[in-house]
């Protein structure tokens, strides 16, 4: 994810509201959650943990590559 995408997310309240909803601090309808997730999809790519395995010496499996996504709370940009 590039700096431009991070800036867009940090400057929006979409992610903040979704996090607050997940933590139980904000009530949102299912329509609002769906719309918020749809907007996030446009600025933040969906990633899933992916494991590609191969067979090493002696037939043992070894992990060749692993990609993970970590969700972090954005810094408060309200000033």
PDB file of N, CA and C in Angstrom:
ATOM      1  N   UNK A   1       0.857  -1.163   0.000  1.00  0.00           N
ATOM      2  CA  UNK A   1       0.000   0.000   0.000  1.00  0.00           C
ATOM      3  C   UNK A   1       0.905   1.229   0.000  1.00  0.00           C
ATOM      4  N   UNK A   2       0.668   2.133  -0.939  1.00  0.00           N
ATOM      5  CA  UNK A   2       1.499   3.312  -1.069  1.00  0.00           C
ATOM      6  C   UNK A   2       1.131   4.409  -0.091  1.00  0.00           C
ATOM      7  N   UNK A   3       1.990   5.421  -0.025  1.00  0.00           N
ATOM      8  CA  UNK A   3       1.780   6.539   0.890  1.00  0.00           C
ATOM      9  C   UNK A   3       0.501   7.291   0.551  1.00  0.00           C
ATOM     10  N   UNK A   4       0.175   7.381  -0.737  1.00  0.00           N
ATOM     11  CA  UNK A   4      -1.052   8.080  -1.151  1.00  0.00           C
ATOM     12  C   UNK A   4      -2.285   7.396  -0.569  1.00  0.00           C
ATOM     13  N   UNK A   5      -2.305   6.068  -0.615  1.00  0.00           N
ATOM     14  CA  UNK A   5      -3.438   5.325  -0.063  1.00  0.00           C
ATOM     15  C   UNK A   5      -3.532   5.506   1.448  1.00  0.00           C
ATOM     16  N   UNK A   6      -2.384   5.452   2.114  1.00  0.00           N
ATOM     17  CA  UNK A   6      -2.393   5.633   3.564  1.00  0.00           C
ATOM     18  C   UNK A   6      -2.902   7.017   3.937  1.00  0.00           C
ATOM     19  N   UNK A   7      -2.516   8.027   3.157  1.00  0.00           N
ATOM     20  CA  UNK A   7      -2.967   9.396   3.418  1.00  0.00           C
ATOM     21  C   UNK A   7      -4.475   9.513   3.252  1.00  0.00           C
ATOM     22  N   UNK A   8      -5.006   8.911   2.194  1.00  0.00           N
ATOM     23  CA  UNK A   8      -6.454   8.948   1.969  1.00  0.00           C
ATOM     24  C   UNK A   8      -7.201   8.311   3.135  1.00  0.00           C
ATOM     25  N   UNK A   9      -6.701   7.175   3.598  1.00  0.00           N
ATOM     26  CA  UNK A   9      -7.353   6.476   4.707  1.00  0.00           C
ATOM     27  C   UNK A   9      -7.222   7.285   5.990  1.00  0.00           C
ATOM     28  N   UNK A  10      -6.023   7.813   6.244  1.00  0.00           N
ATOM     29  CA  UNK A  10      -5.796   8.575   7.471  1.00  0.00           C
ATOM     30  C   UNK A  10      -6.660   9.830   7.511  1.00  0.00           C
ATOM     31  N   UNK A  11      -6.887  10.450   6.367  1.00  0.00           N
ATOM     32  CA  UNK A  11      -7.674  11.671   6.314  1.00  0.00           C
ATOM     33  C   UNK A  11      -9.177  11.410   6.329  1.00  0.00           C
ATOM     34  N   UNK A  12      -9.575  10.179   6.130  1.00  0.00           N
ATOM     35  CA  UNK A  12     -10.997   9.867   6.153  1.00  0.00           C
ATOM     36  C   UNK A  12     -11.384   9.363   7.535  1.00  0.00           C
ATOM     37  N   UNK A  13     -12.643   9.420   7.819  1.00  0.00           N
ATOM     38  CA  UNK A  13     -13.130   8.909   9.100  1.00  0.00           C
ATOM     39  C   UNK A  13     -13.752   7.532   8.931  1.00  0.00           C
ATOM     40  N   UNK A  14     -13.706   7.008   7.724  1.00  0.00           N
ATOM     41  CA  UNK A  14     -14.331   5.712   7.436  1.00  0.00           C
ATOM     42  C   UNK A  14     -13.725   4.620   8.307  1.00  0.00           C
ATOM     43  N   UNK A  15     -12.419   4.489   8.252  1.00  0.00           N
ATOM     44  CA  UNK A  15     -11.759   3.431   9.000  1.00  0.00           C
ATOM     45  C   UNK A  15     -11.956   3.626  10.499  1.00  0.00           C
ATOM     46  N   UNK A  16     -11.855   4.867  10.963  1.00  0.00           N
ATOM     47  CA  UNK A  16     -12.049   5.175  12.389  1.00  0.00           C
ATOM     48  C   UNK A  16     -13.438   4.734  12.846  1.00  0.00           C
ATOM     49  N   UNK A  17     -14.457   5.042  12.052  1.00  0.00           N
ATOM     50  CA  UNK A  17     -15.829   4.680  12.407  1.00  0.00           C
ATOM     51  C   UNK A  17     -16.019   3.165  12.418  1.00  0.00           C
ATOM     52  N   UNK A  18     -15.441   2.475  11.450  1.00  0.00           N
ATOM     53  CA  UNK A  18     -15.571   1.020  11.405  1.00  0.00           C
ATOM     54  C   UNK A  18     -14.876   0.367  12.600  1.00  0.00           C
ATOM     55  N   UNK A  19     -13.718   0.900  12.970  1.00  0.00           N
ATOM     56  CA  UNK A  19     -13.015   0.363  14.139  1.00  0.00           C
ATOM     57  C   UNK A  19     -13.836   0.596  15.400  1.00  0.00           C
ATOM     58  N   UNK A  20     -14.365   1.801  15.537  1.00  0.00           N
ATOM     59  CA  UNK A  20     -15.198   2.106  16.711  1.00  0.00           C
ATOM     60  C   UNK A  20     -16.421   1.189  16.756  1.00  0.00           C
ATOM     61  N   UNK A  21     -17.013   0.919  15.595  1.00  0.00           N
ATOM     62  CA  UNK A  21     -18.170   0.014  15.535  1.00  0.00           C
ATOM     63  C   UNK A  21     -17.759  -1.393  15.981  1.00  0.00           C
ATOM     64  N   UNK A  22     -16.614  -1.852  15.501  1.00  0.00           N
ATOM     65  CA  UNK A  22     -16.136  -3.189  15.868  1.00  0.00           C
ATOM     66  C   UNK A  22     -15.840  -3.286  17.360  1.00  0.00           C
ATOM     67  N   UNK A  23     -15.408  -2.180  17.953  1.00  0.00           N
ATOM     68  CA  UNK A  23     -15.109  -2.158  19.386  1.00  0.00           C
ATOM     69  C   UNK A  23     -16.353  -1.914  20.245  1.00  0.00           C
ATOM     70  N   UNK A  24     -17.485  -1.655  19.592  1.00  0.00           N
ATOM     71  CA  UNK A  24     -18.726  -1.436  20.320  1.00  0.00           C
ATOM     72  C   UNK A  24     -18.942  -0.001  20.773  1.00  0.00           C
ATOM     73  N   UNK A  25     -18.115   0.919  20.311  1.00  0.00           N
ATOM     74  CA  UNK A  25     -18.209   2.318  20.723  1.00  0.00           C
ATOM     75  C   UNK A  25     -19.096   3.151  19.796  1.00  0.00           C
ATOM     76  N   UNK A  26     -19.503   2.606  18.659  1.00  0.00           N
ATOM     77  CA  UNK A  26     -20.315   3.345  17.684  1.00  0.00           C
ATOM     78  C   UNK A  26     -21.363   2.400  17.108  1.00  0.00           C
ATOM     79  N   UNK A  27     -22.589   2.870  17.046  1.00  0.00           N
ATOM     80  CA  UNK A  27     -23.652   2.092  16.402  1.00  0.00           C
ATOM     81  C   UNK A  27     -23.693   2.436  14.926  1.00  0.00           C
ATOM     82  N   UNK A  28     -23.745   1.407  14.101  1.00  0.00           N
ATOM     83  CA  UNK A  28     -23.858   1.586  12.649  1.00  0.00           C
ATOM     84  C   UNK A  28     -24.834   0.545  12.124  1.00  0.00           C
ATOM     85  N   UNK A  29     -25.581   0.919  11.105  1.00  0.00           N
ATOM     86  CA  UNK A  29     -26.471  -0.049  10.468  1.00  0.00           C
ATOM     87  C   UNK A  29     -25.649  -0.946   9.554  1.00  0.00           C
ATOM     88  N   UNK A  30     -26.224  -2.056   9.157  1.00  0.00           N
ATOM     89  CA  UNK A  30     -25.498  -2.946   8.247  1.00  0.00           C
ATOM     90  C   UNK A  30     -25.232  -2.249   6.911  1.00  0.00           C
ATOM     91  N   UNK A  31     -26.128  -1.367   6.499  1.00  0.00           N
ATOM     92  CA  UNK A  31     -25.926  -0.616   5.257  1.00  0.00           C
ATOM     93  C   UNK A  31     -24.724   0.316   5.380  1.00  0.00           C
ATOM     94  N   UNK A  32     -24.586   0.992   6.529  1.00  0.00           N
ATOM     95  CA  UNK A  32     -23.443   1.875   6.745  1.00  0.00           C
ATOM     96  C   UNK A  32     -22.132   1.092   6.765  1.00  0.00           C
ATOM     97  N   UNK A  33     -22.129  -0.067   7.401  1.00  0.00           N
ATOM     98  CA  UNK A  33     -20.931  -0.897   7.449  1.00  0.00           C
ATOM     99  C   UNK A  33     -20.560  -1.358   6.037  1.00  0.00           C
ATOM    100  N   UNK A  34     -21.541  -1.835   5.284  1.00  0.00           N
ATOM    101  CA  UNK A  34     -21.289  -2.289   3.919  1.00  0.00           C
ATOM    102  C   UNK A  34     -20.746  -1.162   3.059  1.00  0.00           C
ATOM    103  N   UNK A  35     -21.342   0.031   3.173  1.00  0.00           N
ATOM    104  CA  UNK A  35     -20.875   1.185   2.401  1.00  0.00           C
ATOM    105  C   UNK A  35     -19.455   1.565   2.807  1.00  0.00           C
ATOM    106  N   UNK A  36     -19.171   1.565   4.103  1.00  0.00           N
ATOM    107  CA  UNK A  36     -17.831   1.896   4.578  1.00  0.00           C
ATOM    108  C   UNK A  36     -16.795   0.916   4.084  1.00  0.00           C
ATOM    109  N   UNK A  37     -17.120  -0.375   4.135  1.00  0.00           N
ATOM    110  CA  UNK A  37     -16.190  -1.384   3.634  1.00  0.00           C
ATOM    111  C   UNK A  37     -15.980  -1.247   2.127  1.00  0.00           C
ATOM    112  N   UNK A  38     -17.049  -0.900   1.405  1.00  0.00           N
ATOM    113  CA  UNK A  38     -16.937  -0.695  -0.042  1.00  0.00           C
ATOM    114  C   UNK A  38     -16.009   0.466  -0.367  1.00  0.00           C
ATOM    115  N   UNK A  39     -16.099   1.546   0.410  1.00  0.00           N
ATOM    116  CA  UNK A  39     -15.210   2.692   0.192  1.00  0.00           C
ATOM    117  C   UNK A  39     -13.765   2.354   0.543  1.00  0.00           C
ATOM    118  N   UNK A  40     -13.570   1.598   1.606  1.00  0.00           N
ATOM    119  CA  UNK A  40     -12.210   1.178   1.967  1.00  0.00           C
ATOM    120  C   UNK A  40     -11.591   0.311   0.882  1.00  0.00           C
ATOM    121  N   UNK A  41     -12.416  -0.540   0.255  1.00  0.00           N
ATOM    122  CA  UNK A  41     -11.914  -1.408  -0.812  1.00  0.00           C
ATOM    123  C   UNK A  41     -11.333  -0.602  -1.969  1.00  0.00           C
ATOM    124  N   UNK A  42     -11.800   0.615  -2.142  1.00  0.00           N
ATOM    125  CA  UNK A  42     -11.310   1.443  -3.246  1.00  0.00           C
ATOM    126  C   UNK A  42      -9.947   2.062  -2.958  1.00  0.00           C
ATOM    127  N   UNK A  43      -9.608   2.220  -1.681  1.00  0.00           N
ATOM    128  CA  UNK A  43      -8.327   2.841  -1.347  1.00  0.00           C
ATOM    129  C   UNK A  43      -7.339   1.886  -0.682  1.00  0.00           C
ATOM    130  N   UNK A  44      -7.814   0.741  -0.196  1.00  0.00           N
ATOM    131  CA  UNK A  44      -6.950  -0.210   0.482  1.00  0.00           C
ATOM    132  C   UNK A  44      -7.210  -1.600  -0.089  1.00  0.00           C
ATOM    133  N   UNK A  45      -6.230  -2.186  -0.752  1.00  0.00           N
ATOM    134  CA  UNK A  45      -6.452  -3.496  -1.364  1.00  0.00           C
ATOM    135  C   UNK A  45      -6.706  -4.573  -0.324  1.00  0.00           C
ATOM    136  N   UNK A  46      -7.547  -5.527  -0.683  1.00  0.00           N
ATOM    137  CA  UNK A  46      -7.792  -6.668   0.195  1.00  0.00           C
ATOM    138  C   UNK A  46      -6.620  -7.627   0.052  1.00  0.00           C
ATOM    139  N   UNK A  47      -6.102  -8.058   1.165  1.00  0.00           N
ATOM    140  CA  UNK A  47      -5.027  -9.039   1.165  1.00  0.00           C
ATOM    141  C   UNK A  47      -5.424 -10.171   2.090  1.00  0.00           C
ATOM    142  N   UNK A  48      -4.996 -11.338   1.767  1.00  0.00           N
ATOM    143  CA  UNK A  48      -5.243 -12.491   2.621  1.00  0.00           C
ATOM    144  C   UNK A  48      -3.912 -13.187   2.848  1.00  0.00           C
ATOM    145  N   UNK A  49      -3.817 -13.894   3.931  1.00  0.00           N
ATOM    146  CA  UNK A  49      -2.606 -14.657   4.172  1.00  0.00           C
ATOM    147  C   UNK A  49      -2.518 -15.747   3.117  1.00  0.00           C
ATOM    148  N   UNK A  50      -1.384 -15.792   2.452  1.00  0.00           N
ATOM    149  CA  UNK A  50      -1.176 -16.764   1.396  1.00  0.00           C
ATOM    150  C   UNK A  50       0.103 -17.537   1.682  1.00  0.00           C
ATOM    151  N   UNK A  51       0.010 -18.809   1.617  1.00  0.00           N
ATOM    152  CA  UNK A  51       1.187 -19.634   1.815  1.00  0.00           C
ATOM    153  C   UNK A  51       1.390 -20.478   0.571  1.00  0.00           C
ATOM    154  N   UNK A  52       2.578 -20.402   0.016  1.00  0.00           N
ATOM    155  CA  UNK A  52       2.936 -21.211  -1.149  1.00  0.00           C
ATOM    156  C   UNK A  52       3.977 -22.203  -0.661  1.00  0.00           C
ATOM    157  N   UNK A  53       3.664 -23.474  -0.783  1.00  0.00           N
ATOM    158  CA  UNK A  53       4.571 -24.490  -0.262  1.00  0.00           C
ATOM    159  C   UNK A  53       5.213 -25.262  -1.395  1.00  0.00           C
ATOM    160  N   UNK A  54       6.397 -25.718  -1.133  1.00  0.00           N
ATOM    161  CA  UNK A  54       7.103 -26.551  -2.092  1.00  0.00           C
ATOM    162  C   UNK A  54       7.705 -27.737  -1.367  1.00  0.00           C
ATOM    163  N   UNK A  55       8.229 -28.642  -2.113  1.00  0.00           N
ATOM    164  CA  UNK A  55       8.855 -29.816  -1.515  1.00  0.00           C
ATOM    165  C   UNK A  55      10.363 -29.611  -1.515  1.00  0.00           C
ATOM    166  N   UNK A  56      10.947 -29.660  -0.331  1.00  0.00           N
ATOM    167  CA  UNK A  56      12.388 -29.491  -0.195  1.00  0.00           C
ATOM    168  C   UNK A  56      13.096 -30.821  -0.291  1.00  0.00           C
ATOM    169  N   UNK A  57      14.335 -30.808   0.112  1.00  0.00           N
ATOM    170  CA  UNK A  57      15.132 -32.038   0.079  1.00  0.00           C
ATOM    171  C   UNK A  57      14.518 -33.086   1.005  1.00  0.00           C
ATOM    172  N   UNK A  58      14.496 -34.285   0.593  1.00  0.00           N
ATOM    173  CA  UNK A  58      13.963 -35.373   1.403  1.00  0.00           C
ATOM    174  C   UNK A  58      12.446 -35.392   1.458  1.00  0.00           C
ATOM    175  N   UNK A  59      11.766 -34.604   0.587  1.00  0.00           N
ATOM    176  CA  UNK A  59      10.315 -34.602   0.531  1.00  0.00           C
ATOM    177  C   UNK A  59       9.652 -33.732   1.584  1.00  0.00           C
ATOM    178  N   UNK A  60      10.440 -32.996   2.388  1.00  0.00           N
ATOM    179  CA  UNK A  60       9.858 -32.141   3.434  1.00  0.00           C
ATOM    180  C   UNK A  60       9.263 -30.881   2.802  1.00  0.00           C
ATOM    181  N   UNK A  61       8.155 -30.404   3.388  1.00  0.00           N
ATOM    182  CA  UNK A  61       7.531 -29.172   2.915  1.00  0.00           C
ATOM    183  C   UNK A  61       8.255 -27.974   3.516  1.00  0.00           C
ATOM    184  N   UNK A  62       8.389 -26.945   2.735  1.00  0.00           N
ATOM    185  CA  UNK A  62       8.975 -25.715   3.238  1.00  0.00           C
ATOM    186  C   UNK A  62       8.153 -24.526   2.742  1.00  0.00           C
ATOM    187  N   UNK A  63       8.031 -23.489   3.573  1.00  0.00           N
ATOM    188  CA  UNK A  63       7.297 -22.295   3.178  1.00  0.00           C
ATOM    189  C   UNK A  63       8.205 -21.450   2.302  1.00  0.00           C
ATOM    190  N   UNK A  64       7.699 -21.128   1.122  1.00  0.00           N
ATOM    191  CA  UNK A  64       8.473 -20.360   0.166  1.00  0.00           C
ATOM    192  C   UNK A  64       8.179 -18.872   0.317  1.00  0.00           C
ATOM    193  N   UNK A  65       6.920 -18.511   0.553  1.00  0.00           N
ATOM    194  CA  UNK A  65       6.527 -17.107   0.618  1.00  0.00           C
ATOM    195  C   UNK A  65       5.277 -16.968   1.475  1.00  0.00           C
ATOM    196  N   UNK A  66       5.188 -15.880   2.228  1.00  0.00           N
ATOM    197  CA  UNK A  66       4.025 -15.648   3.082  1.00  0.00           C
ATOM    198  C   UNK A  66       3.702 -14.159   3.077  1.00  0.00           C
ATOM    199  N   UNK A  67       2.422 -13.817   2.873  1.00  0.00           N
ATOM    200  CA  UNK A  67       1.957 -12.435   2.861  1.00  0.00           C
ATOM    201  C   UNK A  67       0.894 -12.311   3.936  1.00  0.00           C
ATOM    202  N   UNK A  68       1.004 -11.289   4.793  1.00  0.00           N
ATOM    203  CA  UNK A  68       0.023 -11.083   5.848  1.00  0.00           C
ATOM    204  C   UNK A  68      -0.468  -9.647   5.830  1.00  0.00           C
ATOM    205  N   UNK A  69      -1.668  -9.437   6.317  1.00  0.00           N
ATOM    206  CA  UNK A  69      -2.260  -8.114   6.417  1.00  0.00           C
ATOM    207  C   UNK A  69      -2.438  -7.787   7.893  1.00  0.00           C
ATOM    208  N   UNK A  70      -2.011  -6.598   8.271  1.00  0.00           N
ATOM    209  CA  UNK A  70      -2.151  -6.171   9.652  1.00  0.00           C
ATOM    210  C   UNK A  70      -2.957  -4.882   9.667  1.00  0.00           C
ATOM    211  N   UNK A  71      -4.022  -4.872  10.453  1.00  0.00           N
ATOM    212  CA  UNK A  71      -4.868  -3.693  10.590  1.00  0.00           C
ATOM    213  C   UNK A  71      -4.421  -2.941  11.841  1.00  0.00           C
ATOM    214  N   UNK A  72      -4.114  -1.676  11.683  1.00  0.00           N
ATOM    215  CA  UNK A  72      -3.704  -0.859  12.819  1.00  0.00           C
ATOM    216  C   UNK A  72      -4.601   0.359  12.914  1.00  0.00           C
ATOM    217  N   UNK A  73      -4.765   0.876  14.115  1.00  0.00           N
ATOM    218  CA  UNK A  73      -5.575   2.076  14.322  1.00  0.00           C
ATOM    219  C   UNK A  73      -4.802   3.268  13.784  1.00  0.00           C
ATOM    220  N   UNK A  74      -5.431   4.070  12.891  1.00  0.00           N
ATOM    221  CA  UNK A  74      -4.724   5.247  12.355  1.00  0.00           C
ATOM    222  C   UNK A  74      -4.557   6.295  13.429  1.00  0.00           C
ATOM    223  N   UNK A  75      -3.543   7.136  13.262  1.00  0.00           N
ATOM    224  CA  UNK A  75      -3.335   8.246  14.189  1.00  0.00           C
ATOM    225  C   UNK A  75      -4.495   9.216  14.052  1.00  0.00           C
ATOM    226  N   UNK A  76      -4.861   9.864  15.148  1.00  0.00           N
ATOM    227  CA  UNK A  76      -5.956  10.841  15.125  1.00  0.00           C
ATOM    228  C   UNK A  76      -5.529  12.044  14.301  1.00  0.00           C
ATOM    229  N   UNK A  77      -6.242  12.310  13.209  1.00  0.00           N
ATOM    230  CA  UNK A  77      -5.892  13.419  12.331  1.00  0.00           C
ATOM    231  C   UNK A  77      -6.787  14.627  12.548  1.00  0.00           C
ATOM    232  N   UNK A  78      -7.714  14.517  13.525  1.00  0.00           N
ATOM    233  CA  UNK A  78      -8.577  15.653  13.820  1.00  0.00           C
ATOM    234  C   UNK A  78      -7.776  16.696  14.589  1.00  0.00           C
ATOM    235  N   UNK A  79      -7.640  17.859  14.008  1.00  0.00           N
ATOM    236  CA  UNK A  79      -6.881  18.903  14.698  1.00  0.00           C
ATOM    237  C   UNK A  79      -7.607  20.216  14.603  1.00  0.00           C
TER     238      UNK A  79
END
